[in-house]
Amino acid sequence: MNYLRLLSLALLAALSSPAAADDPAIVVKAPDQPAKKICVRENTVGTRLAPVVCLTREQWKQREHADDDQKDRLRDHINRQVQDRPMPGVATGSGG
């Protein structure tokens, strides 16, 4: 009998026994599969040919967080500029 076949049968018998489910030493792991990509056609200003961007779900989440961070930085920058600018019609300094 082929040793590989014998080993496969022994492994199958061990995994199908009720004790195997409680044994933490026996771990059955599915083969690693590449993450599924999600493709989106992105509208680009100035062109009718929108590029297609394909990323995994995790990459889309990272991109969304990066976009949110950039929006927050831009909003903070604009708010600082507005606060530093004097308002028209309001006297500044001491009234003396």
PDB file of N, CA and C in Angstrom:
ATOM      1  N   MET A   1       0.845  -1.172   0.000  1.00  0.00           N
ATOM      2  CA  MET A   1       0.000   0.000   0.000  1.00  0.00           C
ATOM      3  C   MET A   1       0.895   1.241   0.000  1.00  0.00           C
ATOM      4  N   ASN A   2       0.446   2.243  -0.668  1.00  0.00           N
ATOM      5  CA  ASN A   2       1.200   3.482  -0.769  1.00  0.00           C
ATOM      6  C   ASN A   2       1.210   4.183   0.597  1.00  0.00           C
ATOM      7  N   TYR A   3       2.404   4.671   1.013  1.00  0.00           N
ATOM      8  CA  TYR A   3       2.524   5.317   2.315  1.00  0.00           C
ATOM      9  C   TYR A   3       1.720   6.610   2.395  1.00  0.00           C
ATOM     10  N   LEU A   4       1.658   7.331   1.303  1.00  0.00           N
ATOM     11  CA  LEU A   4       0.901   8.580   1.300  1.00  0.00           C
ATOM     12  C   LEU A   4      -0.588   8.317   1.501  1.00  0.00           C
ATOM     13  N   ARG A   5      -1.086   7.273   0.860  1.00  0.00           N
ATOM     14  CA  ARG A   5      -2.498   6.914   1.025  1.00  0.00           C
ATOM     15  C   ARG A   5      -2.769   6.475   2.452  1.00  0.00           C
ATOM     16  N   LEU A   6      -1.850   5.712   3.016  1.00  0.00           N
ATOM     17  CA  LEU A   6      -2.003   5.237   4.389  1.00  0.00           C
ATOM     18  C   LEU A   6      -1.990   6.428   5.360  1.00  0.00           C
ATOM     19  N   LEU A   7      -1.097   7.354   5.130  1.00  0.00           N
ATOM     20  CA  LEU A   7      -1.024   8.539   5.969  1.00  0.00           C
ATOM     21  C   LEU A   7      -2.309   9.363   5.847  1.00  0.00           C
ATOM     22  N   SER A   8      -2.837   9.508   4.644  1.00  0.00           N
ATOM     23  CA  SER A   8      -4.084  10.248   4.438  1.00  0.00           C
ATOM     24  C   SER A   8      -5.243   9.606   5.165  1.00  0.00           C
ATOM     25  N   LEU A   9      -5.323   8.284   5.093  1.00  0.00           N
ATOM     26  CA  LEU A   9      -6.404   7.570   5.785  1.00  0.00           C
ATOM     27  C   LEU A   9      -6.279   7.721   7.302  1.00  0.00           C
ATOM     28  N   ALA A  10      -5.063   7.675   7.811  1.00  0.00           N
ATOM     29  CA  ALA A  10      -4.854   7.819   9.249  1.00  0.00           C
ATOM     30  C   ALA A  10      -5.241   9.236   9.703  1.00  0.00           C
ATOM     31  N   LEU A  11      -4.876  10.217   8.905  1.00  0.00           N
ATOM     32  CA  LEU A  11      -5.238  11.595   9.235  1.00  0.00           C
ATOM     33  C   LEU A  11      -6.744  11.794   9.192  1.00  0.00           C
ATOM     34  N   LEU A  12      -7.380  11.237   8.198  1.00  0.00           N
ATOM     35  CA  LEU A  12      -8.838  11.337   8.081  1.00  0.00           C
ATOM     36  C   LEU A  12      -9.524  10.669   9.262  1.00  0.00           C
ATOM     37  N   ALA A  13      -9.024   9.503   9.667  1.00  0.00           N
ATOM     38  CA  ALA A  13      -9.609   8.803  10.804  1.00  0.00           C
ATOM     39  C   ALA A  13      -9.414   9.600  12.081  1.00  0.00           C
ATOM     40  N   ALA A  14      -8.261  10.220  12.240  1.00  0.00           N
ATOM     41  CA  ALA A  14      -7.990  10.997  13.449  1.00  0.00           C
ATOM     42  C   ALA A  14      -8.872  12.236  13.510  1.00  0.00           C
ATOM     43  N   LEU A  15      -9.073  12.871  12.372  1.00  0.00           N
ATOM     44  CA  LEU A  15      -9.888  14.082  12.359  1.00  0.00           C
ATOM     45  C   LEU A  15     -11.370  13.793  12.512  1.00  0.00           C
ATOM     46  N   SER A  16     -11.801  12.627  12.098  1.00  0.00           N
ATOM     47  CA  SER A  16     -13.222  12.314  12.186  1.00  0.00           C
ATOM     48  C   SER A  16     -13.611  11.779  13.561  1.00  0.00           C
ATOM     49  N   SER A  17     -12.649  11.475  14.415  1.00  0.00           N
ATOM     50  CA  SER A  17     -12.982  10.964  15.750  1.00  0.00           C
ATOM     51  C   SER A  17     -13.449  12.121  16.621  1.00  0.00           C
ATOM     52  N   PRO A  18     -14.346  11.872  17.583  1.00  0.00           N
ATOM     53  CA  PRO A  18     -14.860  12.938  18.440  1.00  0.00           C
ATOM     54  C   PRO A  18     -13.776  13.565  19.311  1.00  0.00           C
ATOM     55  N   ALA A  19     -12.731  12.822  19.649  1.00  0.00           N
ATOM     56  CA  ALA A  19     -11.669  13.364  20.498  1.00  0.00           C
ATOM     57  C   ALA A  19     -10.853  14.410  19.745  1.00  0.00           C
ATOM     58  N   ALA A  20     -10.809  14.328  18.437  1.00  0.00           N
ATOM     59  CA  ALA A  20     -10.009  15.258  17.650  1.00  0.00           C
ATOM     60  C   ALA A  20     -10.562  16.675  17.733  1.00  0.00           C
ATOM     61  N   ALA A  21     -11.853  16.803  17.925  1.00  0.00           N
ATOM     62  CA  ALA A  21     -12.456  18.132  18.002  1.00  0.00           C
ATOM     63  C   ALA A  21     -12.023  18.853  19.274  1.00  0.00           C
ATOM     64  N   ASP A  22     -11.718  18.107  20.339  1.00  0.00           N
ATOM     65  CA  ASP A  22     -11.317  18.708  21.605  1.00  0.00           C
ATOM     66  C   ASP A  22      -9.808  18.887  21.723  1.00  0.00           C
ATOM     67  N   ASP A  23      -9.035  18.291  20.829  1.00  0.00           N
ATOM     68  CA  ASP A  23      -7.579  18.334  20.906  1.00  0.00           C
ATOM     69  C   ASP A  23      -7.057  19.606  20.247  1.00  0.00           C
ATOM     70  N   PRO A  24      -6.459  20.518  21.026  1.00  0.00           N
ATOM     71  CA  PRO A  24      -5.971  21.756  20.423  1.00  0.00           C
ATOM     72  C   PRO A  24      -4.742  21.548  19.544  1.00  0.00           C
ATOM     73  N   ALA A  25      -4.103  20.392  19.627  1.00  0.00           N
ATOM     74  CA  ALA A  25      -2.906  20.143  18.827  1.00  0.00           C
ATOM     75  C   ALA A  25      -3.258  19.872  17.371  1.00  0.00           C
ATOM     76  N   ILE A  26      -4.488  19.448  17.114  1.00  0.00           N
ATOM     77  CA  ILE A  26      -4.902  19.144  15.751  1.00  0.00           C
ATOM     78  C   ILE A  26      -5.611  20.373  15.187  1.00  0.00           C
ATOM     79  N   VAL A  27      -4.994  20.979  14.196  1.00  0.00           N
ATOM     80  CA  VAL A  27      -5.553  22.180  13.579  1.00  0.00           C
ATOM     81  C   VAL A  27      -5.671  21.931  12.092  1.00  0.00           C
ATOM     82  N   VAL A  28      -6.860  22.089  11.583  1.00  0.00           N
ATOM     83  CA  VAL A  28      -7.082  21.939  10.150  1.00  0.00           C
ATOM     84  C   VAL A  28      -7.278  23.338   9.591  1.00  0.00           C
ATOM     85  N   LYS A  29      -6.426  23.709   8.668  1.00  0.00           N
ATOM     86  CA  LYS A  29      -6.479  25.053   8.100  1.00  0.00           C
ATOM     87  C   LYS A  29      -6.711  24.953   6.604  1.00  0.00           C
ATOM     88  N   ALA A  30      -7.624  25.766   6.114  1.00  0.00           N
ATOM     89  CA  ALA A  30      -7.886  25.802   4.678  1.00  0.00           C
ATOM     90  C   ALA A  30      -6.686  26.443   3.987  1.00  0.00           C
ATOM     91  N   PRO A  31      -6.431  26.073   2.760  1.00  0.00           N
ATOM     92  CA  PRO A  31      -5.316  26.688   2.046  1.00  0.00           C
ATOM     93  C   PRO A  31      -5.542  28.188   1.888  1.00  0.00           C
ATOM     94  N   ASP A  32      -4.445  28.932   1.954  1.00  0.00           N
ATOM     95  CA  ASP A  32      -4.552  30.384   1.822  1.00  0.00           C
ATOM     96  C   ASP A  32      -5.039  30.745   0.431  1.00  0.00           C
ATOM     97  N   GLN A  33      -6.079  31.565   0.407  1.00  0.00           N
ATOM     98  CA  GLN A  33      -6.617  32.029  -0.854  1.00  0.00           C
ATOM     99  C   GLN A  33      -6.386  33.527  -0.933  1.00  0.00           C
ATOM    100  N   PRO A  34      -6.057  34.027  -2.098  1.00  0.00           N
ATOM    101  CA  PRO A  34      -5.869  35.469  -2.204  1.00  0.00           C
ATOM    102  C   PRO A  34      -7.177  36.193  -1.928  1.00  0.00           C
ATOM    103  N   ALA A  35      -7.057  37.360  -1.332  1.00  0.00           N
ATOM    104  CA  ALA A  35      -8.246  38.149  -1.013  1.00  0.00           C
ATOM    105  C   ALA A  35      -8.939  38.584  -2.306  1.00  0.00           C
ATOM    106  N   LYS A  36     -10.252  38.528  -2.270  1.00  0.00           N
ATOM    107  CA  LYS A  36     -11.032  38.908  -3.444  1.00  0.00           C
ATOM    108  C   LYS A  36     -10.930  40.415  -3.657  1.00  0.00           C
ATOM    109  N   LYS A  37     -10.701  40.812  -4.895  1.00  0.00           N
ATOM    110  CA  LYS A  37     -10.580  42.232  -5.228  1.00  0.00           C
ATOM    111  C   LYS A  37     -11.929  42.784  -5.654  1.00  0.00           C
ATOM    112  N   ILE A  38     -12.158  44.025  -5.260  1.00  0.00           N
ATOM    113  CA  ILE A  38     -13.378  44.736  -5.613  1.00  0.00           C
ATOM    114  C   ILE A  38     -12.958  45.875  -6.544  1.00  0.00           C
ATOM    115  N   CYS A  39     -13.520  45.888  -7.731  1.00  0.00           N
ATOM    116  CA  CYS A  39     -13.146  46.886  -8.735  1.00  0.00           C
ATOM    117  C   CYS A  39     -14.221  47.965  -8.827  1.00  0.00           C
ATOM    118  N   VAL A  40     -13.777  49.224  -8.866  1.00  0.00           N
ATOM    119  CA  VAL A  40     -14.679  50.370  -8.928  1.00  0.00           C
ATOM    120  C   VAL A  40     -14.154  51.327  -9.985  1.00  0.00           C
ATOM    121  N   ARG A  41     -15.054  51.843 -10.803  1.00  0.00           N
ATOM    122  CA  ARG A  41     -14.688  52.853 -11.794  1.00  0.00           C
ATOM    123  C   ARG A  41     -14.776  54.207 -11.093  1.00  0.00           C
ATOM    124  N   GLU A  42     -13.636  54.903 -11.015  1.00  0.00           N
ATOM    125  CA  GLU A  42     -13.581  56.172 -10.313  1.00  0.00           C
ATOM    126  C   GLU A  42     -13.719  57.330 -11.287  1.00  0.00           C
ATOM    127  N   ASN A  43     -14.612  58.251 -10.966  1.00  0.00           N
ATOM    128  CA  ASN A  43     -14.778  59.449 -11.796  1.00  0.00           C
ATOM    129  C   ASN A  43     -13.598  60.378 -11.570  1.00  0.00           C
ATOM    130  N   THR A  44     -13.012  60.840 -12.652  1.00  0.00           N
ATOM    131  CA  THR A  44     -11.875  61.745 -12.589  1.00  0.00           C
ATOM    132  C   THR A  44     -12.240  63.032 -13.311  1.00  0.00           C
ATOM    133  N   VAL A  45     -11.983  64.154 -12.664  1.00  0.00           N
ATOM    134  CA  VAL A  45     -12.286  65.450 -13.268  1.00  0.00           C
ATOM    135  C   VAL A  45     -11.377  65.663 -14.466  1.00  0.00           C
ATOM    136  N   GLY A  46     -11.965  66.083 -15.578  1.00  0.00           N
ATOM    137  CA  GLY A  46     -11.185  66.410 -16.759  1.00  0.00           C
ATOM    138  C   GLY A  46     -11.050  65.281 -17.764  1.00  0.00           C
ATOM    139  N   THR A  47     -11.674  64.149 -17.513  1.00  0.00           N
ATOM    140  CA  THR A  47     -11.601  63.061 -18.477  1.00  0.00           C
ATOM    141  C   THR A  47     -12.902  62.264 -18.461  1.00  0.00           C
ATOM    142  N   ARG A  48     -13.232  61.741 -19.614  1.00  0.00           N
ATOM    143  CA  ARG A  48     -14.412  60.878 -19.696  1.00  0.00           C
ATOM    144  C   ARG A  48     -14.037  59.413 -19.505  1.00  0.00           C
ATOM    145  N   LEU A  49     -12.752  59.139 -19.546  1.00  0.00           N
ATOM    146  CA  LEU A  49     -12.275  57.769 -19.373  1.00  0.00           C
ATOM    147  C   LEU A  49     -11.903  57.556 -17.908  1.00  0.00           C
ATOM    148  N   ALA A  50     -12.848  57.080 -17.157  1.00  0.00           N
ATOM    149  CA  ALA A  50     -12.622  56.872 -15.733  1.00  0.00           C
ATOM    150  C   ALA A  50     -11.789  55.613 -15.522  1.00  0.00           C
ATOM    151  N   PRO A  51     -10.726  55.715 -14.709  1.00  0.00           N
ATOM    152  CA  PRO A  51      -9.913  54.522 -14.455  1.00  0.00           C
ATOM    153  C   PRO A  51     -10.642  53.552 -13.541  1.00  0.00           C
ATOM    154  N   VAL A  52     -10.321  52.274 -13.688  1.00  0.00           N
ATOM    155  CA  VAL A  52     -10.879  51.239 -12.833  1.00  0.00           C
ATOM    156  C   VAL A  52      -9.827  50.903 -11.785  1.00  0.00           C
ATOM    157  N   VAL A  53     -10.215  50.976 -10.508  1.00  0.00           N
ATOM    158  CA  VAL A  53      -9.317  50.673  -9.410  1.00  0.00           C
ATOM    159  C   VAL A  53      -9.799  49.393  -8.741  1.00  0.00           C
ATOM    160  N   CYS A  54      -8.900  48.412  -8.631  1.00  0.00           N
ATOM    161  CA  CYS A  54      -9.234  47.130  -8.012  1.00  0.00           C
ATOM    162  C   CYS A  54      -8.412  46.963  -6.741  1.00  0.00           C
ATOM    163  N   LEU A  55      -9.095  46.852  -5.605  1.00  0.00           N
ATOM    164  CA  LEU A  55      -8.442  46.687  -4.312  1.00  0.00           C
ATOM    165  C   LEU A  55      -9.197  45.649  -3.493  1.00  0.00           C
ATOM    166  N   THR A  56      -8.529  45.095  -2.488  1.00  0.00           N
ATOM    167  CA  THR A  56      -9.205  44.170  -1.577  1.00  0.00           C
ATOM    168  C   THR A  56     -10.060  44.988  -0.607  1.00  0.00           C
ATOM    169  N   ARG A  57     -10.927  44.312   0.110  1.00  0.00           N
ATOM    170  CA  ARG A  57     -11.805  44.988   1.071  1.00  0.00           C
ATOM    171  C   ARG A  57     -10.969  45.737   2.116  1.00  0.00           C
ATOM    172  N   GLU A  58      -9.888  45.116   2.578  1.00  0.00           N
ATOM    173  CA  GLU A  58      -9.018  45.756   3.566  1.00  0.00           C
ATOM    174  C   GLU A  58      -8.339  46.994   2.982  1.00  0.00           C
ATOM    175  N   GLN A  59      -7.899  46.918   1.740  1.00  0.00           N
ATOM    176  CA  GLN A  59      -7.270  48.065   1.097  1.00  0.00           C
ATOM    177  C   GLN A  59      -8.260  49.216   0.911  1.00  0.00           C
ATOM    178  N   TRP A  60      -9.527  48.891   0.591  1.00  0.00           N
ATOM    179  CA  TRP A  60     -10.541  49.946   0.459  1.00  0.00           C
ATOM    180  C   TRP A  60     -10.750  50.635   1.806  1.00  0.00           C
ATOM    181  N   LYS A  61     -10.757  49.863   2.918  1.00  0.00           N
ATOM    182  CA  LYS A  61     -10.927  50.448   4.247  1.00  0.00           C
ATOM    183  C   LYS A  61      -9.754  51.366   4.582  1.00  0.00           C
ATOM    184  N   GLN A  62      -8.530  50.912   4.261  1.00  0.00           N
ATOM    185  CA  GLN A  62      -7.353  51.737   4.518  1.00  0.00           C
ATOM    186  C   GLN A  62      -7.414  53.034   3.713  1.00  0.00           C
ATOM    187  N   ARG A  63      -7.851  52.929   2.490  1.00  0.00           N
ATOM    188  CA  ARG A  63      -7.946  54.107   1.623  1.00  0.00           C
ATOM    189  C   ARG A  63      -8.991  55.086   2.161  1.00  0.00           C
ATOM    190  N   GLU A  64     -10.118  54.559   2.640  1.00  0.00           N
ATOM    191  CA  GLU A  64     -11.172  55.403   3.198  1.00  0.00           C
ATOM    192  C   GLU A  64     -10.671  56.127   4.450  1.00  0.00           C
ATOM    193  N   HIS A  65      -9.932  55.407   5.315  1.00  0.00           N
ATOM    194  CA  HIS A  65      -9.391  56.048   6.520  1.00  0.00           C
ATOM    195  C   HIS A  65      -8.376  57.130   6.145  1.00  0.00           C
ATOM    196  N   ALA A  66      -7.549  56.866   5.146  1.00  0.00           N
ATOM    197  CA  ALA A  66      -6.570  57.861   4.703  1.00  0.00           C
ATOM    198  C   ALA A  66      -7.281  59.097   4.155  1.00  0.00           C
ATOM    199  N   ASP A  67      -8.361  58.883   3.402  1.00  0.00           N
ATOM    200  CA  ASP A  67      -9.144  60.012   2.869  1.00  0.00           C
ATOM    201  C   ASP A  67      -9.764  60.820   4.000  1.00  0.00           C
ATOM    202  N   ASP A  68     -10.304  60.123   5.014  1.00  0.00           N
ATOM    203  CA  ASP A  68     -10.903  60.818   6.153  1.00  0.00           C
ATOM    204  C   ASP A  68      -9.859  61.646   6.900  1.00  0.00           C
ATOM    205  N   ASP A  69      -8.659  61.072   7.078  1.00  0.00           N
ATOM    206  CA  ASP A  69      -7.590  61.804   7.756  1.00  0.00           C
ATOM    207  C   ASP A  69      -7.204  63.056   6.971  1.00  0.00           C
ATOM    208  N   GLN A  70      -7.132  62.926   5.655  1.00  0.00           N
ATOM    209  CA  GLN A  70      -6.771  64.065   4.823  1.00  0.00           C
ATOM    210  C   GLN A  70      -7.848  65.150   4.906  1.00  0.00           C
ATOM    211  N   LYS A  71      -9.110  64.757   4.902  1.00  0.00           N
ATOM    212  CA  LYS A  71     -10.205  65.733   5.028  1.00  0.00           C
ATOM    213  C   LYS A  71     -10.116  66.459   6.368  1.00  0.00           C
ATOM    214  N   ASP A  72      -9.830  65.712   7.448  1.00  0.00           N
ATOM    215  CA  ASP A  72      -9.716  66.328   8.776  1.00  0.00           C
ATOM    216  C   ASP A  72      -8.570  67.327   8.821  1.00  0.00           C
ATOM    217  N   ARG A  73      -7.413  66.970   8.244  1.00  0.00           N
ATOM    218  CA  ARG A  73      -6.273  67.884   8.234  1.00  0.00           C
ATOM    219  C   ARG A  73      -6.594  69.153   7.445  1.00  0.00           C
ATOM    220  N   LEU A  74      -7.261  69.001   6.307  1.00  0.00           N
ATOM    221  CA  LEU A  74      -7.620  70.144   5.486  1.00  0.00           C
ATOM    222  C   LEU A  74      -8.611  71.050   6.215  1.00  0.00           C
ATOM    223  N   ARG A  75      -9.604  70.455   6.864  1.00  0.00           N
ATOM    224  CA  ARG A  75     -10.600  71.238   7.613  1.00  0.00           C
ATOM    225  C   ARG A  75      -9.924  71.992   8.762  1.00  0.00           C
ATOM    226  N   ASP A  76      -8.991  71.335   9.472  1.00  0.00           N
ATOM    227  CA  ASP A  76      -8.284  72.001  10.569  1.00  0.00           C
ATOM    228  C   ASP A  76      -7.429  73.155  10.047  1.00  0.00           C
ATOM    229  N   HIS A  77      -6.782  72.944   8.918  1.00  0.00           N
ATOM    230  CA  HIS A  77      -5.948  73.991   8.327  1.00  0.00           C
ATOM    231  C   HIS A  77      -6.793  75.213   7.944  1.00  0.00           C
ATOM    232  N   ILE A  78      -7.921  74.973   7.325  1.00  0.00           N
ATOM    233  CA  ILE A  78      -8.814  76.076   6.927  1.00  0.00           C
ATOM    234  C   ILE A  78      -9.352  76.794   8.158  1.00  0.00           C
ATOM    235  N   ASN A  79      -9.738  76.044   9.183  1.00  0.00           N
ATOM    236  CA  ASN A  79     -10.262  76.667  10.405  1.00  0.00           C
ATOM    237  C   ASN A  79      -9.202  77.537  11.081  1.00  0.00           C
ATOM    238  N   ARG A  80      -7.942  77.086  11.089  1.00  0.00           N
ATOM    239  CA  ARG A  80      -6.867  77.887  11.687  1.00  0.00           C
ATOM    240  C   ARG A  80      -6.672  79.181  10.903  1.00  0.00           C
ATOM    241  N   GLN A  81      -6.741  79.107   9.574  1.00  0.00           N
ATOM    242  CA  GLN A  81      -6.569  80.308   8.759  1.00  0.00           C
ATOM    243  C   GLN A  81      -7.705  81.296   8.994  1.00  0.00           C
ATOM    244  N   VAL A  82      -8.915  80.812   9.137  1.00  0.00           N
ATOM    245  CA  VAL A  82     -10.070  81.673   9.351  1.00  0.00           C
ATOM    246  C   VAL A  82      -9.987  82.325  10.728  1.00  0.00           C
ATOM    247  N   GLN A  83      -9.543  81.576  11.732  1.00  0.00           N
ATOM    248  CA  GLN A  83      -9.454  82.120  13.091  1.00  0.00           C
ATOM    249  C   GLN A  83      -8.346  83.163  13.201  1.00  0.00           C
ATOM    250  N   ASP A  84      -7.276  83.019  12.446  1.00  0.00           N
ATOM    251  CA  ASP A  84      -6.153  83.966  12.508  1.00  0.00           C
ATOM    252  C   ASP A  84      -6.447  85.269  11.764  1.00  0.00           C
ATOM    253  N   ARG A  85      -7.405  85.238  10.860  1.00  0.00           N
ATOM    254  CA  ARG A  85      -7.727  86.402  10.057  1.00  0.00           C
ATOM    255  C   ARG A  85      -8.651  87.328  10.861  1.00  0.00           C
ATOM    256  N   PRO A  86      -8.326  88.645  10.928  1.00  0.00           N
ATOM    257  CA  PRO A  86      -9.228  89.563  11.668  1.00  0.00           C
ATOM    258  C   PRO A  86     -10.540  89.746  10.941  1.00  0.00           C
ATOM    259  N   MET A  87     -11.604  89.895  11.717  1.00  0.00           N
ATOM    260  CA  MET A  87     -12.922  90.105  11.117  1.00  0.00           C
ATOM    261  C   MET A  87     -13.063  91.562  10.699  1.00  0.00           C
ATOM    262  N   PRO A  88     -13.648  91.831   9.532  1.00  0.00           N
ATOM    263  CA  PRO A  88     -13.833  93.198   9.085  1.00  0.00           C
ATOM    264  C   PRO A  88     -14.797  93.951  10.001  1.00  0.00           C
ATOM    265  N   GLY A  89     -14.466  95.217  10.299  1.00  0.00           N
ATOM    266  CA  GLY A  89     -15.367  96.053  11.113  1.00  0.00           C
ATOM    267  C   GLY A  89     -15.150  95.883  12.608  1.00  0.00           C
ATOM    268  N   VAL A  90     -14.257  94.999  13.009  1.00  0.00           N
ATOM    269  CA  VAL A  90     -14.008  94.801  14.432  1.00  0.00           C
ATOM    270  C   VAL A  90     -12.662  95.404  14.753  1.00  0.00           C
ATOM    271  N   ALA A  91     -12.649  96.323  15.708  1.00  0.00           N
ATOM    272  CA  ALA A  91     -11.400  96.975  16.086  1.00  0.00           C
ATOM    273  C   ALA A  91     -10.508  95.993  16.839  1.00  0.00           C
ATOM    274  N   THR A  92      -9.229  96.036  16.513  1.00  0.00           N
ATOM    275  CA  THR A  92      -8.276  95.180  17.209  1.00  0.00           C
ATOM    276  C   THR A  92      -7.347  96.051  18.023  1.00  0.00           C
ATOM    277  N   GLY A  93      -6.746  95.517  19.032  1.00  0.00           N
ATOM    278  CA  GLY A  93      -5.805  96.250  19.863  1.00  0.00           C
ATOM    279  C   GLY A  93      -6.524  96.985  20.982  1.00  0.00           C
ATOM    280  N   SER A  94      -5.771  97.827  21.670  1.00  0.00           N
ATOM    281  CA  SER A  94      -6.349  98.532  22.817  1.00  0.00           C
ATOM    282  C   SER A  94      -7.097  99.792  22.333  1.00  0.00           C
ATOM    283  N   GLY A  95      -8.171 100.091  22.994  1.00  0.00           N
ATOM    284  CA  GLY A  95      -9.008 101.228  22.641  1.00  0.00           C
ATOM    285  C   GLY A  95      -8.446 102.544  23.155  1.00  0.00           C
ATOM    286  N   GLY A  96      -7.417 102.524  23.937  1.00  0.00           N
ATOM    287  CA  GLY A  96      -6.642 103.586  24.418  1.00  0.00           C
ATOM    288  C   GLY A  96      -7.111 104.781  24.962  1.00  0.00           C
TER     289      GLY A  96
END
